[in-house]
Amino acid sequence: MTIYTALPIPAGTLKELRTADDAGRPPAPFTDEEGGAPLRCCLRHSEPGERIALVSYAPLRRWAAETGADPGAYDEQGPVFIHADDCPGPSGTALPFTNAHRTLRRYSADGRILGGRLVDTDFPSALAEAFTDPEVAVVHARAVEYGCFLYEVRRG
């Protein structure tokens, strides 16, 4: 079976988001007293006492700008947690945030949504299924509860 890699928000994008998010607002860093926020910079949950920020992020828009796609009405932005300052990024290759129901949204190379699937346990198989469709170029993993973007997986 193919191994799929969850891609965090790229370092250059994080630098931009720490100045102004995709809604044009400056971040408002805070100390996370409880921990547990899903960080999109290093693909792990925050720990108590870490400085983080909740920023607006447009993952499909940024992917489209990189690839030349036009997501049209599927362009959206939403809240994501990131470290308030630079961080080293993910420490491993395991798919993160798989301990709850998630939605996998599939997109074509031109930025159009091709469908989605609720996943509760077997993420590698769900990703393999998504990529059996040759039209799928990128898959977004999202939280079911709030619909928040967690990470993307691109066709190998």
Protein backbone atom coordinates (compact mmCIF):
# COMPACT_ATOMS: atom_id res chain seq x y z
CA MET A 1 0.00 0.00 0.00
CA THR A 2 1.21 3.51 -0.80
CA ILE A 3 2.30 5.65 2.13
CA TYR A 4 0.65 9.05 2.12
CA THR A 5 2.26 12.13 3.63
CA ALA A 6 0.27 14.84 5.38
CA LEU A 7 1.60 18.23 4.32
CA PRO A 8 1.73 21.01 6.92
CA ILE A 9 1.28 24.63 5.98
CA PRO A 10 4.55 25.51 4.17
CA ALA A 11 7.16 27.57 6.07
CA GLY A 12 6.93 30.54 3.67
CA THR A 13 3.16 30.64 4.06
CA LEU A 14 3.47 30.43 7.84
CA LYS A 15 5.77 33.46 7.78
CA GLU A 16 3.10 35.39 5.85
CA LEU A 17 0.28 34.21 8.15
CA ARG A 18 2.25 35.39 11.19
CA THR A 19 2.14 38.90 9.70
CA ALA A 20 -1.35 38.93 8.16
CA ASP A 21 -3.71 36.02 7.64
CA ASP A 22 -5.63 35.20 4.46
CA ALA A 23 -8.43 37.52 5.59
CA GLY A 24 -5.92 40.38 5.90
CA ARG A 25 -5.96 40.47 9.71
CA PRO A 26 -2.84 40.51 11.91
CA PRO A 27 -2.58 37.48 14.19
CA ALA A 28 -3.41 37.76 17.89
CA PRO A 29 -1.01 35.33 19.60
CA PHE A 30 -1.93 33.94 22.99
CA THR A 31 -0.62 31.45 25.50
CA ASP A 32 -2.54 28.19 25.24
CA GLU A 33 -3.24 27.41 28.89
CA GLU A 34 -4.97 24.06 28.27
CA GLY A 35 -3.22 22.62 25.22
CA GLY A 36 -4.88 20.38 22.66
CA ALA A 37 -5.25 22.80 19.73
CA PRO A 38 -4.50 21.08 16.38
CA LEU A 39 -1.45 22.94 15.06
CA ARG A 40 -1.22 23.04 11.24
CA CYS A 41 2.44 24.10 11.26
CA CYS A 42 3.80 20.97 12.93
CA LEU A 43 0.77 18.65 12.69
CA ARG A 44 0.44 17.92 16.38
CA HIS A 45 -1.67 19.13 19.28
CA SER A 46 -0.44 22.11 21.26
CA GLU A 47 0.89 21.66 24.76
CA PRO A 48 -0.10 23.81 27.73
CA GLY A 49 1.94 27.01 27.86
CA GLU A 50 2.76 27.22 24.12
CA ARG A 51 2.26 30.51 22.27
CA ILE A 52 -0.14 29.97 19.39
CA ALA A 53 -2.40 32.01 17.11
CA LEU A 54 -5.72 31.33 15.42
CA VAL A 55 -5.51 32.67 11.87
CA SER A 56 -7.63 32.54 8.75
CA TYR A 57 -6.18 30.28 6.05
CA ALA A 58 -7.27 29.59 2.46
CA PRO A 59 -5.64 26.22 1.61
CA LEU A 60 -7.26 25.65 -1.77
CA ARG A 61 -6.57 29.24 -2.86
CA ARG A 62 -2.91 28.91 -2.00
CA TRP A 63 -2.63 25.50 -3.69
CA ALA A 64 -4.38 26.94 -6.77
CA ALA A 65 -1.96 29.88 -6.92
CA GLU A 66 0.93 27.41 -6.86
CA THR A 67 -0.51 25.06 -9.50
CA GLY A 68 -2.43 27.46 -11.76
CA ALA A 69 -5.82 25.98 -10.88
CA ASP A 70 -8.97 28.08 -10.50
CA PRO A 71 -11.06 26.84 -7.58
CA GLY A 72 -13.90 29.26 -8.36
CA ALA A 73 -16.64 29.00 -5.75
CA TYR A 74 -14.72 26.28 -3.88
CA ASP A 75 -12.20 28.88 -2.70
CA GLU A 76 -12.76 29.28 1.02
CA GLN A 77 -10.88 30.34 4.10
CA GLY A 78 -11.23 29.22 7.66
CA PRO A 79 -9.60 29.19 11.07
CA VAL A 80 -6.42 27.23 11.80
CA PHE A 81 -4.08 27.16 14.78
CA ILE A 82 -0.36 27.74 14.23
CA HIS A 83 2.58 28.42 16.51
CA ALA A 84 2.94 32.16 17.08
CA ASP A 85 6.66 31.86 16.28
CA ASP A 86 8.76 29.60 14.06
CA CYS A 87 8.63 25.91 14.82
CA PRO A 88 10.56 22.94 13.40
CA GLY A 89 7.53 21.44 11.64
CA PRO A 90 6.31 17.84 11.90
CA SER A 91 8.54 15.37 13.71
CA GLY A 92 7.33 12.22 11.96
CA THR A 93 5.54 10.85 8.93
CA ALA A 94 2.45 9.31 10.56
CA LEU A 95 -0.88 10.75 9.45
CA PRO A 96 -1.90 13.17 12.23
CA PHE A 97 -5.27 13.92 13.80
CA THR A 98 -6.75 10.51 13.01
CA ASN A 99 -8.29 9.96 16.44
CA ALA A 100 -11.74 11.27 15.47
CA HIS A 101 -14.15 11.37 12.57
CA ARG A 102 -12.69 13.35 9.69
CA THR A 103 -13.82 14.28 6.21
CA LEU A 104 -11.58 13.79 3.20
CA ARG A 105 -12.42 16.22 0.38
CA ARG A 106 -11.08 15.40 -3.07
CA TYR A 107 -10.17 18.09 -5.63
CA SER A 108 -9.23 17.90 -9.31
CA ALA A 109 -6.16 19.57 -10.82
CA ASP A 110 -8.35 22.47 -11.97
CA GLY A 111 -9.54 23.11 -8.40
CA ARG A 112 -13.04 21.60 -8.53
CA ILE A 113 -14.37 19.43 -5.75
CA LEU A 114 -14.82 15.79 -6.73
CA GLY A 115 -16.49 14.59 -3.57
CA GLY A 116 -15.85 13.76 0.00
CA ARG A 117 -15.92 10.92 2.46
CA LEU A 118 -16.40 10.57 6.18
CA VAL A 119 -13.53 8.57 7.70
CA ASP A 120 -13.41 7.22 11.21
CA THR A 121 -10.50 4.78 11.40
CA ASP A 122 -8.60 3.59 8.33
CA PHE A 123 -7.12 6.78 6.90
CA PRO A 124 -4.52 5.09 4.63
CA SER A 125 -7.24 3.02 2.93
CA ALA A 126 -9.51 6.05 2.56
CA LEU A 127 -6.67 8.01 0.93
CA ALA A 128 -5.86 5.09 -1.35
CA GLU A 129 -9.51 4.97 -2.37
CA ALA A 130 -9.55 8.72 -3.05
CA PHE A 131 -6.48 8.50 -5.28
CA THR A 132 -7.87 5.58 -7.31
CA ASP A 133 -9.74 8.29 -9.20
CA PRO A 134 -7.15 9.61 -11.69
CA GLU A 135 -8.83 13.03 -11.61
CA VAL A 136 -7.95 13.56 -7.92
CA ALA A 137 -4.93 15.84 -7.53
CA VAL A 138 -5.18 16.80 -3.86
CA VAL A 139 -7.12 15.66 -0.81
CA HIS A 140 -7.92 17.88 2.17
CA ALA A 141 -8.44 16.33 5.60
CA ARG A 142 -10.93 18.32 7.66
CA ALA A 143 -12.44 18.15 11.12
CA VAL A 144 -16.08 17.07 11.10
CA GLU A 145 -17.11 19.11 14.11
CA TYR A 146 -16.15 22.52 12.73
CA GLY A 147 -15.14 21.76 9.14
CA CYS A 148 -11.66 23.16 9.77
CA PHE A 149 -8.82 22.31 7.41
CA LEU A 150 -6.27 19.99 9.03
CA TYR A 151 -3.80 19.13 6.24
CA GLU A 152 -3.51 18.18 2.59
CA VAL A 153 -2.21 15.13 0.80
CA ARG A 154 -1.11 15.45 -2.81
CA ARG A 155 -0.98 12.85 -5.54
CA GLY A 156 2.43 11.14 -5.33
